[in-house]
Protein backbone atom coordinates (compact mmCIF):
# COMPACT_ATOMS: atom_id res chain seq x y z
CA UNK A 1 -36.77 -21.28 19.14
CA UNK A 2 -33.67 -24.13 18.23
CA UNK A 3 -33.88 -22.70 14.79
CA UNK A 4 -33.83 -19.13 15.63
CA UNK A 5 -30.67 -19.73 17.35
CA UNK A 6 -28.95 -21.73 14.77
CA UNK A 7 -29.80 -18.95 12.08
CA UNK A 8 -28.17 -16.19 14.53
CA UNK A 9 -25.00 -18.58 15.03
CA UNK A 10 -24.54 -18.82 11.40
CA UNK A 11 -25.13 -15.29 10.87
CA UNK A 12 -22.31 -14.56 13.29
CA UNK A 13 -19.87 -16.36 11.82
CA UNK A 14 -20.89 -15.99 8.35
CA UNK A 15 -20.43 -11.99 9.62
CA UNK A 16 -16.59 -12.76 11.04
CA UNK A 17 -15.47 -14.44 8.31
CA UNK A 18 -16.71 -11.83 5.96
CA UNK A 19 -15.25 -8.97 8.29
CA UNK A 20 -11.94 -10.89 8.86
CA UNK A 21 -11.46 -11.60 5.36
CA UNK A 22 -12.34 -7.41 4.19
CA UNK A 23 -9.44 -6.74 7.20
CA UNK A 24 -6.82 -8.85 5.59
CA UNK A 25 -7.38 -7.49 2.08
CA UNK A 26 -7.21 -4.01 3.17
CA UNK A 27 -5.06 -3.57 6.06
CA UNK A 28 -2.75 -6.68 6.25
CA UNK A 29 0.03 -5.44 4.15
CA UNK A 30 3.05 -7.12 2.68
CA UNK A 31 6.57 -5.47 2.24
CA UNK A 32 7.98 -4.35 -0.83
CA UNK A 33 11.09 -2.19 -1.60
CA UNK A 34 10.96 0.58 -4.37
CA UNK A 35 13.53 2.59 -5.86
CA UNK A 36 12.77 5.95 -6.88
CA UNK A 37 14.34 6.53 -10.28
CA UNK A 38 12.87 9.60 -11.51
CA UNK A 39 11.34 12.84 -10.34
CA UNK A 40 7.11 13.46 -10.47
CA UNK A 41 5.52 17.16 -10.83
CA UNK A 42 3.27 18.04 -7.93
CA UNK A 43 -0.54 17.93 -8.67
CA UNK A 44 -3.56 18.75 -6.90
CA UNK A 45 -4.82 16.33 -4.20
CA UNK A 46 -8.59 15.96 -4.26
CA UNK A 47 -10.95 14.51 -2.05
CA UNK A 48 -14.06 11.78 -2.86
CA UNK A 49 -16.09 14.72 -3.95
CA UNK A 50 -13.30 16.35 -6.32
CA UNK A 51 -12.61 19.40 -3.70
CA UNK A 52 -8.91 20.37 -3.53
CA UNK A 53 -7.19 19.16 -0.16
CA UNK A 54 -3.59 20.29 -1.29
CA UNK A 55 -1.07 19.34 -3.35
CA UNK A 56 1.03 15.74 -3.40
CA UNK A 57 3.08 13.87 -5.36
CA UNK A 58 1.50 10.90 -7.45
CA UNK A 59 3.79 7.67 -8.00
CA UNK A 60 3.22 4.87 -10.04
CA UNK A 61 6.00 2.28 -9.38
CA UNK A 62 6.83 -1.13 -9.40
CA UNK A 63 7.74 -2.77 -5.90
CA UNK A 64 9.59 -6.03 -5.56
CA UNK A 65 9.23 -8.40 -2.21
CA UNK A 66 11.98 -9.69 -0.61
CA UNK A 67 11.60 -12.96 -2.92
CA UNK A 68 12.17 -10.32 -5.84
CA UNK A 69 8.65 -10.68 -6.63
CA UNK A 70 7.41 -7.83 -8.82
CA UNK A 71 3.73 -5.66 -7.86
CA UNK A 72 2.89 -2.33 -9.62
CA UNK A 73 2.29 0.10 -6.86
CA UNK A 74 0.30 3.54 -6.65
CA UNK A 75 0.62 6.07 -3.86
CA UNK A 76 0.54 9.63 -3.03
CA UNK A 77 3.27 11.38 -1.28
CA UNK A 78 2.26 14.60 0.49
CA UNK A 79 4.47 17.43 1.40
CA UNK A 80 6.72 20.38 0.26
CA UNK A 81 9.06 18.14 -1.73
CA UNK A 82 9.04 15.48 -3.86
CA UNK A 83 10.99 12.15 -2.71
CA UNK A 84 14.52 12.54 -4.20
CA UNK A 85 15.58 10.44 -6.81
CA UNK A 86 17.64 7.25 -5.97
CA UNK A 87 15.44 7.10 -2.46
CA UNK A 88 14.97 3.86 -1.09
CA UNK A 89 11.44 3.43 0.37
CA UNK A 90 9.85 0.31 1.93
CA UNK A 91 6.24 0.12 0.73
CA UNK A 92 3.59 -1.56 2.70
CA UNK A 93 1.11 -2.50 0.46
CA UNK A 94 -2.57 -4.59 0.82
CA UNK A 95 -4.16 -6.38 -1.61
CA UNK A 96 -6.32 -3.41 -2.45
CA UNK A 97 -4.19 -0.37 -1.33
CA UNK A 98 -0.72 1.13 -0.22
CA UNK A 99 -0.79 1.51 3.60
CA UNK A 100 2.02 3.19 4.41
CA UNK A 101 5.97 3.98 2.66
CA UNK A 102 8.88 4.33 4.46
CA UNK A 103 12.14 5.82 3.33
CA UNK A 104 15.25 3.44 4.33
CA UNK A 105 19.12 3.08 3.65
CA UNK A 106 20.30 1.15 0.79
CA UNK A 107 21.91 -1.29 2.92
CA UNK A 108 18.32 -2.46 4.27
CA UNK A 109 17.16 -3.42 1.17
CA UNK A 110 17.50 -7.22 0.26
CA UNK A 111 20.38 -7.89 -2.45
CA UNK A 112 18.02 -9.72 -4.60
CA UNK A 113 15.94 -6.35 -4.93
CA UNK A 114 18.81 -4.33 -5.37
CA UNK A 115 20.08 -6.49 -8.42
CA UNK A 116 16.45 -5.75 -10.19
CA UNK A 117 17.33 -1.78 -10.18
């Protein structure tokens, strides 16, 4: 009976650690700053089965952290219009994906990032 309790305890701890690690890699984001420097064409937005869901703008950009560290970021922007050229975005990205994008003003962008553009 004791060994069964130990096995259960080890399994619970292991699953907790794996769950926390998955959450951190997927949903805990770091902020990056991006300046949109070119327009992109509208494309079809597809679900996982290839069925058209609507239209979106696909961005492949380089973002910079507050320290000026670069990272490639891919994300979709859905709406009637593309993001205007010269717009600044604050993009939150986890290890696996972009979590959110927010339009910001240039004075909210760290100087070290502005100097990269």
